[in-house]
Amino acid sequence: MTSDTPTTPLTLPDGRPVPSMTGDERAMLEGWLDFHRTTLELKCRGLDDAQLRLASAPPSSLTLLGLVQHLAEVERNWFQRVLAGLDVPPVYEEETGYALHPERGLDETLTIWHREVARGREISAGRPLDDTGRLVDGPVAGMDVSLRWVLIHLIEEYARHNGHADILRERIDGVTGT
């Protein structure tokens, strides 16, 4: 480590962790995933329940609250079902997580999402990046997939949905940003 390399994790002014720019592959993959997870939560900050439920980019019915729910499902699927081989039910009534229910607001949804993120971290902790799980459904069900692939896929999944969240948030209240 050089003298200009910080020893404590850096954060942006908005609180998001700065992914490691040097170091090992795992630290970089986990850093980018954490960055995108935090970005999703940031996109919801400061909005009321009605705004979080607003499908603000017609004709799409996508909402910020629906995105958080969906990504809770994604976390559960890839870490628990695929990597750990657990037979767990979907988090929500319908497997994509996008459907909204009047009684479930952001606080409950974030609690569920944080639980799924924590469980994913627990499952992947200590596993080598080459460790594999098995795809349980879809067109390539039964194929092996590595933890490395899962982390890369989740980074891609969050990045894509954070782009959606950018558009939704800008249409709701004009807030833009990365």
N, C-alpha and C. Protein backbone atom coordinates (compact mmCIF):
# COMPACT_ATOMS: atom_id res chain seq x y z
N MET A 1 0.84 -1.17 0.00
CA MET A 1 0.00 0.00 0.00
C MET A 1 0.90 1.24 0.00
N THR A 2 0.54 2.22 -0.82
CA THR A 2 1.32 3.45 -0.87
C THR A 2 0.78 4.41 0.18
N SER A 3 1.56 5.44 0.48
CA SER A 3 1.16 6.38 1.52
C SER A 3 -0.08 7.19 1.16
N ASP A 4 -0.40 7.29 -0.13
CA ASP A 4 -1.59 8.05 -0.51
C ASP A 4 -2.84 7.17 -0.64
N THR A 5 -2.73 5.88 -0.30
CA THR A 5 -3.86 4.98 -0.35
C THR A 5 -4.57 5.01 1.00
N PRO A 6 -5.86 5.36 1.02
CA PRO A 6 -6.56 5.43 2.31
C PRO A 6 -6.72 4.04 2.93
N THR A 7 -6.69 3.99 4.26
CA THR A 7 -6.87 2.72 4.95
C THR A 7 -8.32 2.53 5.38
N THR A 8 -9.11 3.56 5.37
CA THR A 8 -10.52 3.43 5.71
C THR A 8 -11.34 3.61 4.44
N PRO A 9 -12.48 2.93 4.37
CA PRO A 9 -13.31 3.05 3.16
C PRO A 9 -13.75 4.49 2.93
N LEU A 10 -13.73 4.89 1.67
CA LEU A 10 -14.18 6.22 1.30
C LEU A 10 -15.66 6.20 1.00
N THR A 11 -16.32 7.32 1.28
CA THR A 11 -17.72 7.47 0.90
C THR A 11 -17.89 8.78 0.16
N LEU A 12 -18.85 8.80 -0.73
CA LEU A 12 -19.20 10.02 -1.43
C LEU A 12 -20.01 10.91 -0.50
N PRO A 13 -20.14 12.20 -0.81
CA PRO A 13 -20.92 13.10 0.06
C PRO A 13 -22.36 12.61 0.32
N ASP A 14 -22.91 11.84 -0.61
CA ASP A 14 -24.28 11.34 -0.42
C ASP A 14 -24.32 10.06 0.41
N GLY A 15 -23.15 9.57 0.87
CA GLY A 15 -23.10 8.41 1.73
C GLY A 15 -22.79 7.09 1.05
N ARG A 16 -22.73 7.09 -0.28
CA ARG A 16 -22.44 5.83 -0.97
C ARG A 16 -20.97 5.47 -0.84
N PRO A 17 -20.68 4.16 -0.68
CA PRO A 17 -19.28 3.73 -0.58
C PRO A 17 -18.59 3.82 -1.93
N VAL A 18 -17.37 4.27 -1.92
CA VAL A 18 -16.58 4.31 -3.15
C VAL A 18 -15.97 2.92 -3.35
N PRO A 19 -16.29 2.26 -4.46
CA PRO A 19 -15.71 0.93 -4.69
C PRO A 19 -14.19 1.01 -4.78
N SER A 20 -13.53 -0.04 -4.29
CA SER A 20 -12.07 -0.11 -4.33
C SER A 20 -11.58 0.06 -5.77
N MET A 21 -10.57 0.89 -5.93
CA MET A 21 -10.02 1.12 -7.26
C MET A 21 -8.76 0.29 -7.50
N THR A 22 -8.28 -0.33 -6.46
CA THR A 22 -7.15 -1.25 -6.55
C THR A 22 -7.45 -2.41 -5.61
N GLY A 23 -6.70 -3.47 -5.76
CA GLY A 23 -6.89 -4.59 -4.85
C GLY A 23 -7.39 -5.82 -5.56
N ASP A 24 -7.86 -6.73 -4.76
CA ASP A 24 -8.26 -8.01 -5.33
C ASP A 24 -9.65 -7.96 -5.97
N GLU A 25 -9.89 -8.95 -6.79
CA GLU A 25 -11.12 -9.02 -7.57
C GLU A 25 -12.36 -9.05 -6.68
N ARG A 26 -12.34 -9.84 -5.63
CA ARG A 26 -13.51 -9.97 -4.77
C ARG A 26 -13.87 -8.64 -4.12
N ALA A 27 -12.88 -7.93 -3.62
CA ALA A 27 -13.13 -6.62 -3.00
C ALA A 27 -13.77 -5.67 -4.01
N MET A 28 -13.30 -5.72 -5.24
CA MET A 28 -13.88 -4.84 -6.27
C MET A 28 -15.30 -5.24 -6.59
N LEU A 29 -15.56 -6.53 -6.78
CA LEU A 29 -16.91 -6.97 -7.10
C LEU A 29 -17.89 -6.64 -5.96
N GLU A 30 -17.50 -6.95 -4.74
CA GLU A 30 -18.38 -6.65 -3.60
C GLU A 30 -18.55 -5.14 -3.41
N GLY A 31 -17.49 -4.39 -3.68
CA GLY A 31 -17.55 -2.93 -3.56
C GLY A 31 -18.53 -2.32 -4.56
N TRP A 32 -18.48 -2.79 -5.80
CA TRP A 32 -19.40 -2.27 -6.82
C TRP A 32 -20.84 -2.68 -6.52
N LEU A 33 -21.03 -3.90 -6.03
CA LEU A 33 -22.38 -4.32 -5.67
C LEU A 33 -22.92 -3.47 -4.52
N ASP A 34 -22.11 -3.23 -3.51
CA ASP A 34 -22.55 -2.37 -2.40
C ASP A 34 -22.84 -0.95 -2.87
N PHE A 35 -22.03 -0.44 -3.78
CA PHE A 35 -22.27 0.90 -4.34
C PHE A 35 -23.64 0.96 -4.99
N HIS A 36 -23.96 -0.04 -5.81
CA HIS A 36 -25.25 -0.03 -6.51
C HIS A 36 -26.41 -0.30 -5.57
N ARG A 37 -26.21 -1.13 -4.55
CA ARG A 37 -27.26 -1.33 -3.56
C ARG A 37 -27.58 0.00 -2.86
N THR A 38 -26.55 0.71 -2.46
CA THR A 38 -26.74 1.98 -1.77
C THR A 38 -27.36 3.02 -2.69
N THR A 39 -27.00 2.99 -3.97
CA THR A 39 -27.59 3.91 -4.94
C THR A 39 -29.09 3.71 -5.04
N LEU A 40 -29.53 2.46 -5.07
CA LEU A 40 -30.97 2.20 -5.13
C LEU A 40 -31.70 2.81 -3.93
N GLU A 41 -31.15 2.60 -2.76
CA GLU A 41 -31.79 3.16 -1.56
C GLU A 41 -31.78 4.68 -1.60
N LEU A 42 -30.71 5.26 -2.09
CA LEU A 42 -30.61 6.71 -2.20
C LEU A 42 -31.70 7.28 -3.12
N LYS A 43 -32.03 6.56 -4.18
CA LYS A 43 -33.05 7.02 -5.12
C LYS A 43 -34.42 7.15 -4.46
N CYS A 44 -34.64 6.43 -3.36
CA CYS A 44 -35.93 6.45 -2.67
C CYS A 44 -35.97 7.48 -1.54
N ARG A 45 -34.82 7.97 -1.14
CA ARG A 45 -34.72 8.87 0.01
C ARG A 45 -35.49 10.18 -0.24
N GLY A 46 -36.26 10.59 0.78
CA GLY A 46 -36.94 11.87 0.75
C GLY A 46 -38.28 11.88 0.03
N LEU A 47 -38.74 10.71 -0.42
CA LEU A 47 -40.02 10.64 -1.11
C LEU A 47 -41.09 10.09 -0.19
N ASP A 48 -42.32 10.53 -0.39
CA ASP A 48 -43.42 9.98 0.41
C ASP A 48 -43.97 8.72 -0.26
N ASP A 49 -44.89 8.06 0.43
CA ASP A 49 -45.41 6.78 -0.05
C ASP A 49 -46.04 6.90 -1.43
N ALA A 50 -46.80 7.96 -1.65
CA ALA A 50 -47.46 8.13 -2.95
C ALA A 50 -46.42 8.29 -4.07
N GLN A 51 -45.36 9.02 -3.81
CA GLN A 51 -44.32 9.22 -4.81
C GLN A 51 -43.59 7.91 -5.12
N LEU A 52 -43.34 7.11 -4.09
CA LEU A 52 -42.65 5.83 -4.28
C LEU A 52 -43.48 4.84 -5.08
N ARG A 53 -44.80 5.04 -5.07
CA ARG A 53 -45.72 4.15 -5.79
C ARG A 53 -46.09 4.69 -7.17
N LEU A 54 -45.57 5.86 -7.50
CA LEU A 54 -45.93 6.51 -8.75
C LEU A 54 -45.19 5.91 -9.94
N ALA A 55 -45.96 5.43 -10.89
CA ALA A 55 -45.39 4.96 -12.16
C ALA A 55 -45.23 6.20 -13.03
N SER A 56 -44.09 6.85 -12.92
CA SER A 56 -43.92 8.19 -13.47
C SER A 56 -43.37 8.25 -14.89
N ALA A 57 -43.15 7.11 -15.50
CA ALA A 57 -42.62 7.10 -16.87
C ALA A 57 -43.51 6.23 -17.76
N PRO A 58 -44.72 6.75 -18.08
CA PRO A 58 -45.65 5.97 -18.90
C PRO A 58 -45.03 5.61 -20.24
N PRO A 59 -45.37 4.49 -20.81
CA PRO A 59 -46.46 3.61 -20.42
C PRO A 59 -46.05 2.56 -19.38
N SER A 60 -44.81 2.60 -18.90
CA SER A 60 -44.34 1.62 -17.92
C SER A 60 -45.09 1.77 -16.60
N SER A 61 -45.35 0.64 -15.93
CA SER A 61 -45.98 0.65 -14.61
C SER A 61 -44.92 0.52 -13.51
N LEU A 62 -43.65 0.63 -13.86
CA LEU A 62 -42.55 0.49 -12.92
C LEU A 62 -42.57 1.62 -11.89
N THR A 63 -42.31 1.27 -10.62
CA THR A 63 -42.25 2.24 -9.52
C THR A 63 -40.96 2.03 -8.74
N LEU A 64 -40.57 3.05 -7.98
CA LEU A 64 -39.38 2.91 -7.14
C LEU A 64 -39.60 1.84 -6.06
N LEU A 65 -40.77 1.82 -5.45
CA LEU A 65 -41.05 0.81 -4.43
C LEU A 65 -41.02 -0.59 -5.05
N GLY A 66 -41.56 -0.72 -6.24
CA GLY A 66 -41.53 -2.00 -6.94
C GLY A 66 -40.11 -2.45 -7.26
N LEU A 67 -39.23 -1.50 -7.57
CA LEU A 67 -37.83 -1.86 -7.83
C LEU A 67 -37.15 -2.42 -6.58
N VAL A 68 -37.40 -1.80 -5.44
CA VAL A 68 -36.80 -2.30 -4.20
C VAL A 68 -37.31 -3.71 -3.90
N GLN A 69 -38.61 -3.91 -4.07
CA GLN A 69 -39.18 -5.24 -3.85
C GLN A 69 -38.57 -6.25 -4.82
N HIS A 70 -38.48 -5.88 -6.08
CA HIS A 70 -37.92 -6.77 -7.10
C HIS A 70 -36.50 -7.17 -6.73
N LEU A 71 -35.69 -6.21 -6.30
CA LEU A 71 -34.30 -6.53 -6.00
C LEU A 71 -34.16 -7.35 -4.72
N ALA A 72 -35.14 -7.30 -3.83
CA ALA A 72 -35.16 -8.24 -2.70
C ALA A 72 -35.34 -9.66 -3.24
N GLU A 73 -36.23 -9.81 -4.22
CA GLU A 73 -36.43 -11.13 -4.85
C GLU A 73 -35.16 -11.60 -5.56
N VAL A 74 -34.50 -10.68 -6.25
CA VAL A 74 -33.26 -11.01 -6.97
C VAL A 74 -32.20 -11.50 -5.98
N GLU A 75 -32.02 -10.78 -4.88
CA GLU A 75 -31.04 -11.18 -3.86
C GLU A 75 -31.35 -12.58 -3.34
N ARG A 76 -32.63 -12.82 -3.00
CA ARG A 76 -33.01 -14.13 -2.47
C ARG A 76 -32.75 -15.22 -3.50
N ASN A 77 -33.15 -14.99 -4.73
CA ASN A 77 -33.00 -16.01 -5.76
C ASN A 77 -31.55 -16.40 -5.96
N TRP A 78 -30.68 -15.42 -6.20
CA TRP A 78 -29.31 -15.75 -6.57
C TRP A 78 -28.48 -16.28 -5.42
N PHE A 79 -28.67 -15.75 -4.23
CA PHE A 79 -27.85 -16.22 -3.11
C PHE A 79 -28.45 -17.46 -2.44
N GLN A 80 -29.72 -17.43 -2.13
CA GLN A 80 -30.30 -18.55 -1.38
C GLN A 80 -30.66 -19.72 -2.28
N ARG A 81 -31.39 -19.45 -3.35
CA ARG A 81 -31.84 -20.56 -4.20
C ARG A 81 -30.71 -21.11 -5.06
N VAL A 82 -29.97 -20.23 -5.72
CA VAL A 82 -28.95 -20.69 -6.66
C VAL A 82 -27.66 -21.11 -5.94
N LEU A 83 -27.04 -20.20 -5.19
CA LEU A 83 -25.75 -20.53 -4.58
C LEU A 83 -25.86 -21.51 -3.42
N ALA A 84 -26.84 -21.30 -2.53
CA ALA A 84 -26.96 -22.16 -1.34
C ALA A 84 -27.82 -23.39 -1.60
N GLY A 85 -28.55 -23.41 -2.71
CA GLY A 85 -29.39 -24.56 -3.03
C GLY A 85 -30.58 -24.72 -2.10
N LEU A 86 -31.03 -23.63 -1.51
CA LEU A 86 -32.15 -23.68 -0.57
C LEU A 86 -33.48 -23.62 -1.31
N ASP A 87 -34.44 -24.34 -0.81
CA ASP A 87 -35.80 -24.31 -1.37
C ASP A 87 -36.60 -23.30 -0.59
N VAL A 88 -36.45 -22.03 -0.95
CA VAL A 88 -37.14 -20.95 -0.25
C VAL A 88 -38.22 -20.36 -1.16
N PRO A 89 -39.33 -19.94 -0.57
CA PRO A 89 -40.39 -19.35 -1.38
C PRO A 89 -40.01 -17.94 -1.80
N PRO A 90 -40.73 -17.38 -2.75
CA PRO A 90 -40.50 -15.97 -3.10
C PRO A 90 -40.73 -15.08 -1.87
N VAL A 91 -40.11 -13.94 -1.87
CA VAL A 91 -40.30 -12.97 -0.79
C VAL A 91 -41.74 -12.44 -0.82
N TYR A 92 -42.22 -12.14 -2.00
CA TYR A 92 -43.55 -11.56 -2.18
C TYR A 92 -44.47 -12.55 -2.87
N GLU A 93 -45.73 -12.20 -2.95
CA GLU A 93 -46.76 -13.09 -3.50
C GLU A 93 -46.48 -13.49 -4.94
N GLU A 94 -45.98 -12.56 -5.72
CA GLU A 94 -45.64 -12.89 -7.11
C GLU A 94 -44.13 -12.74 -7.25
N GLU A 95 -43.53 -13.64 -7.94
CA GLU A 95 -42.09 -13.84 -7.89
C GLU A 95 -41.21 -12.69 -8.38
N THR A 96 -41.75 -11.77 -9.16
CA THR A 96 -40.88 -10.68 -9.61
C THR A 96 -40.76 -9.58 -8.56
N GLY A 97 -41.75 -9.45 -7.68
CA GLY A 97 -41.71 -8.45 -6.63
C GLY A 97 -42.24 -7.09 -7.02
N TYR A 98 -42.60 -6.88 -8.26
CA TYR A 98 -43.02 -5.55 -8.69
C TYR A 98 -44.39 -5.13 -8.19
N ALA A 99 -45.28 -6.08 -7.91
CA ALA A 99 -46.66 -5.74 -7.50
C ALA A 99 -46.66 -5.03 -6.15
N LEU A 100 -47.41 -3.96 -6.06
CA LEU A 100 -47.48 -3.17 -4.83
C LEU A 100 -48.74 -3.51 -4.05
N HIS A 101 -48.63 -3.41 -2.73
CA HIS A 101 -49.77 -3.65 -1.85
C HIS A 101 -49.93 -2.44 -0.94
N PRO A 102 -51.17 -2.00 -0.71
CA PRO A 102 -51.41 -0.78 0.06
C PRO A 102 -50.81 -0.79 1.46
N GLU A 103 -50.73 -1.95 2.08
CA GLU A 103 -50.25 -2.01 3.47
C GLU A 103 -48.73 -2.08 3.59
N ARG A 104 -48.01 -2.25 2.51
CA ARG A 104 -46.55 -2.38 2.58
C ARG A 104 -45.90 -1.13 2.01
N GLY A 105 -45.29 -0.36 2.90
CA GLY A 105 -44.62 0.87 2.49
C GLY A 105 -43.11 0.70 2.44
N LEU A 106 -42.41 1.82 2.31
CA LEU A 106 -40.97 1.78 2.13
C LEU A 106 -40.24 1.21 3.34
N ASP A 107 -40.63 1.58 4.55
CA ASP A 107 -39.91 1.07 5.72
C ASP A 107 -39.91 -0.45 5.76
N GLU A 108 -41.09 -1.05 5.60
CA GLU A 108 -41.17 -2.52 5.60
C GLU A 108 -40.40 -3.11 4.42
N THR A 109 -40.54 -2.50 3.26
CA THR A 109 -39.87 -3.00 2.07
C THR A 109 -38.35 -2.94 2.21
N LEU A 110 -37.84 -1.83 2.76
CA LEU A 110 -36.39 -1.71 2.98
C LEU A 110 -35.91 -2.72 4.01
N THR A 111 -36.71 -2.95 5.05
CA THR A 111 -36.33 -3.94 6.06
C THR A 111 -36.19 -5.32 5.43
N ILE A 112 -37.14 -5.68 4.58
CA ILE A 112 -37.10 -6.97 3.89
C ILE A 112 -35.89 -7.03 2.96
N TRP A 113 -35.69 -5.97 2.19
CA TRP A 113 -34.56 -5.92 1.26
C TRP A 113 -33.24 -6.01 2.01
N HIS A 114 -33.08 -5.25 3.11
CA HIS A 114 -31.86 -5.32 3.91
C HIS A 114 -31.63 -6.74 4.45
N ARG A 115 -32.70 -7.41 4.85
CA ARG A 115 -32.59 -8.79 5.33
C ARG A 115 -32.06 -9.71 4.22
N GLU A 116 -32.58 -9.54 3.01
CA GLU A 116 -32.13 -10.37 1.89
C GLU A 116 -30.69 -10.07 1.52
N VAL A 117 -30.29 -8.81 1.56
CA VAL A 117 -28.90 -8.43 1.28
C VAL A 117 -27.99 -9.06 2.33
N ALA A 118 -28.36 -8.96 3.61
CA ALA A 118 -27.55 -9.53 4.69
C ALA A 118 -27.43 -11.04 4.54
N ARG A 119 -28.51 -11.69 4.18
CA ARG A 119 -28.47 -13.15 4.00
C ARG A 119 -27.56 -13.51 2.82
N GLY A 120 -27.60 -12.72 1.75
CA GLY A 120 -26.70 -12.96 0.63
C GLY A 120 -25.25 -12.79 1.01
N ARG A 121 -24.94 -11.78 1.80
CA ARG A 121 -23.56 -11.58 2.26
C ARG A 121 -23.12 -12.76 3.12
N GLU A 122 -24.02 -13.23 3.98
CA GLU A 122 -23.71 -14.37 4.85
C GLU A 122 -23.41 -15.62 4.03
N ILE A 123 -24.22 -15.87 3.02
CA ILE A 123 -24.04 -17.07 2.18
C ILE A 123 -22.75 -17.00 1.39
N SER A 124 -22.41 -15.83 0.88
CA SER A 124 -21.21 -15.73 0.03
C SER A 124 -19.92 -15.56 0.82
N ALA A 125 -20.01 -15.17 2.09
CA ALA A 125 -18.82 -14.94 2.90
C ALA A 125 -17.97 -16.21 2.98
N GLY A 126 -16.71 -16.05 2.70
CA GLY A 126 -15.79 -17.17 2.81
C GLY A 126 -15.79 -18.13 1.63
N ARG A 127 -16.75 -17.99 0.74
CA ARG A 127 -16.76 -18.87 -0.44
C ARG A 127 -15.81 -18.31 -1.49
N PRO A 128 -15.05 -19.17 -2.13
CA PRO A 128 -14.20 -18.68 -3.22
C PRO A 128 -15.08 -18.24 -4.41
N LEU A 129 -14.58 -17.32 -5.20
CA LEU A 129 -15.32 -16.82 -6.35
C LEU A 129 -15.65 -17.92 -7.35
N ASP A 130 -14.86 -18.99 -7.36
CA ASP A 130 -15.11 -20.11 -8.27
C ASP A 130 -16.11 -21.11 -7.72
N ASP A 131 -16.55 -20.93 -6.47
CA ASP A 131 -17.56 -21.82 -5.89
C ASP A 131 -18.83 -21.73 -6.75
N THR A 132 -19.52 -22.84 -6.92
CA THR A 132 -20.68 -22.84 -7.81
C THR A 132 -21.96 -23.21 -7.10
N GLY A 133 -23.03 -22.73 -7.70
CA GLY A 133 -24.38 -23.12 -7.37
C GLY A 133 -25.02 -23.60 -8.65
N ARG A 134 -26.30 -23.91 -8.57
CA ARG A 134 -26.98 -24.46 -9.74
C ARG A 134 -28.23 -23.65 -10.04
N LEU A 135 -28.39 -23.29 -11.31
CA LEU A 135 -29.59 -22.57 -11.73
C LEU A 135 -30.80 -23.48 -11.54
N VAL A 136 -31.84 -22.93 -10.93
CA VAL A 136 -32.99 -23.76 -10.57
C VAL A 136 -34.15 -23.67 -11.55
N ASP A 137 -34.17 -22.65 -12.38
CA ASP A 137 -35.26 -22.53 -13.34
C ASP A 137 -34.80 -21.74 -14.55
N GLY A 138 -35.70 -21.54 -15.48
CA GLY A 138 -35.37 -20.79 -16.69
C GLY A 138 -34.84 -21.69 -17.79
N PRO A 139 -34.43 -21.09 -18.90
CA PRO A 139 -34.03 -21.88 -20.07
C PRO A 139 -32.75 -22.67 -19.88
N VAL A 140 -31.93 -22.32 -18.89
CA VAL A 140 -30.69 -23.06 -18.67
C VAL A 140 -30.67 -23.69 -17.27
N ALA A 141 -31.85 -24.06 -16.76
CA ALA A 141 -31.95 -24.71 -15.45
C ALA A 141 -31.03 -25.92 -15.39
N GLY A 142 -30.40 -26.08 -14.23
CA GLY A 142 -29.51 -27.21 -14.02
C GLY A 142 -28.05 -26.91 -14.29
N MET A 143 -27.77 -25.79 -14.93
CA MET A 143 -26.37 -25.43 -15.21
C MET A 143 -25.72 -24.85 -13.96
N ASP A 144 -24.43 -25.09 -13.83
CA ASP A 144 -23.66 -24.52 -12.73
C ASP A 144 -23.34 -23.06 -13.03
N VAL A 145 -23.26 -22.27 -11.97
CA VAL A 145 -22.91 -20.86 -12.09
C VAL A 145 -22.02 -20.51 -10.89
N SER A 146 -20.96 -19.74 -11.17
CA SER A 146 -20.00 -19.41 -10.10
C SER A 146 -20.46 -18.19 -9.30
N LEU A 147 -19.94 -18.09 -8.08
CA LEU A 147 -20.19 -16.90 -7.26
C LEU A 147 -19.71 -15.66 -8.02
N ARG A 148 -18.59 -15.75 -8.72
CA ARG A 148 -18.09 -14.62 -9.51
C ARG A 148 -19.16 -14.15 -10.51
N TRP A 149 -19.75 -15.11 -11.23
CA TRP A 149 -20.78 -14.79 -12.22
C TRP A 149 -21.98 -14.14 -11.54
N VAL A 150 -22.38 -14.67 -10.39
CA VAL A 150 -23.54 -14.12 -9.66
C VAL A 150 -23.26 -12.68 -9.25
N LEU A 151 -22.08 -12.40 -8.72
CA LEU A 151 -21.75 -11.03 -8.31
C LEU A 151 -21.76 -10.09 -9.52
N ILE A 152 -21.17 -10.52 -10.63
CA ILE A 152 -21.17 -9.70 -11.84
C ILE A 152 -22.60 -9.48 -12.32
N HIS A 153 -23.40 -10.53 -12.32
CA HIS A 153 -24.79 -10.40 -12.75
C HIS A 153 -25.57 -9.43 -11.85
N LEU A 154 -25.36 -9.51 -10.54
CA LEU A 154 -26.07 -8.61 -9.63
C LEU A 154 -25.64 -7.16 -9.82
N ILE A 155 -24.36 -6.94 -10.09
CA ILE A 155 -23.90 -5.58 -10.39
C ILE A 155 -24.64 -5.07 -11.63
N GLU A 156 -24.72 -5.89 -12.65
CA GLU A 156 -25.43 -5.52 -13.88
C GLU A 156 -26.91 -5.28 -13.60
N GLU A 157 -27.52 -6.15 -12.83
CA GLU A 157 -28.95 -6.04 -12.51
C GLU A 157 -29.24 -4.73 -11.77
N TYR A 158 -28.46 -4.45 -10.74
CA TYR A 158 -28.65 -3.20 -9.99
C TYR A 158 -28.37 -1.99 -10.86
N ALA A 159 -27.29 -2.03 -11.65
CA ALA A 159 -26.95 -0.88 -12.49
C ALA A 159 -28.08 -0.58 -13.47
N ARG A 160 -28.63 -1.63 -14.08
CA ARG A 160 -29.74 -1.44 -15.03
C ARG A 160 -30.94 -0.83 -14.32
N HIS A 161 -31.29 -1.39 -13.17
CA HIS A 161 -32.47 -0.88 -12.45
C HIS A 161 -32.21 0.49 -11.82
N ASN A 162 -30.97 0.79 -11.49
CA ASN A 162 -30.67 2.15 -11.01
C ASN A 162 -30.85 3.16 -12.13
N GLY A 163 -30.61 2.76 -13.37
CA GLY A 163 -30.92 3.64 -14.50
C GLY A 163 -32.42 3.89 -14.59
N HIS A 164 -33.20 2.84 -14.38
CA HIS A 164 -34.66 3.02 -14.33
C HIS A 164 -35.03 3.96 -13.19
N ALA A 165 -34.40 3.74 -12.03
CA ALA A 165 -34.69 4.57 -10.85
C ALA A 165 -34.34 6.03 -11.12
N ASP A 166 -33.26 6.28 -11.86
CA ASP A 166 -32.89 7.66 -12.23
C ASP A 166 -34.04 8.34 -12.99
N ILE A 167 -34.57 7.63 -13.96
CA ILE A 167 -35.66 8.20 -14.78
C ILE A 167 -36.91 8.41 -13.93
N LEU A 168 -37.28 7.41 -13.14
CA LEU A 168 -38.46 7.54 -12.28
C LEU A 168 -38.32 8.71 -11.33
N ARG A 169 -37.18 8.81 -10.65
CA ARG A 169 -36.98 9.88 -9.68
C ARG A 169 -37.01 11.25 -10.35
N GLU A 170 -36.37 11.38 -11.49
CA GLU A 170 -36.37 12.68 -12.17
C GLU A 170 -37.79 13.08 -12.57
N ARG A 171 -38.59 12.12 -13.02
CA ARG A 171 -39.98 12.41 -13.40
C ARG A 171 -40.83 12.76 -12.17
N ILE A 172 -40.50 12.20 -11.02
CA ILE A 172 -41.29 12.45 -9.80
C ILE A 172 -41.03 13.85 -9.26
N ASP A 173 -39.75 14.20 -9.06
CA ASP A 173 -39.47 15.48 -8.40
C ASP A 173 -38.30 16.25 -8.99
N GLY A 174 -37.79 15.80 -10.13
CA GLY A 174 -36.72 16.54 -10.80
C GLY A 174 -35.33 16.24 -10.28
N VAL A 175 -35.20 15.39 -9.25
CA VAL A 175 -33.88 15.08 -8.70
C VAL A 175 -33.14 14.19 -9.69
N THR A 176 -31.92 14.59 -10.00
CA THR A 176 -31.07 13.81 -10.90
C THR A 176 -29.79 13.46 -10.18
N GLY A 177 -29.02 12.61 -10.77
CA GLY A 177 -27.72 12.27 -10.18
C GLY A 177 -27.39 10.82 -10.44
N THR A 178 -26.18 10.48 -10.05
CA THR A 178 -25.70 9.12 -10.27
C THR A 178 -25.92 8.26 -9.05
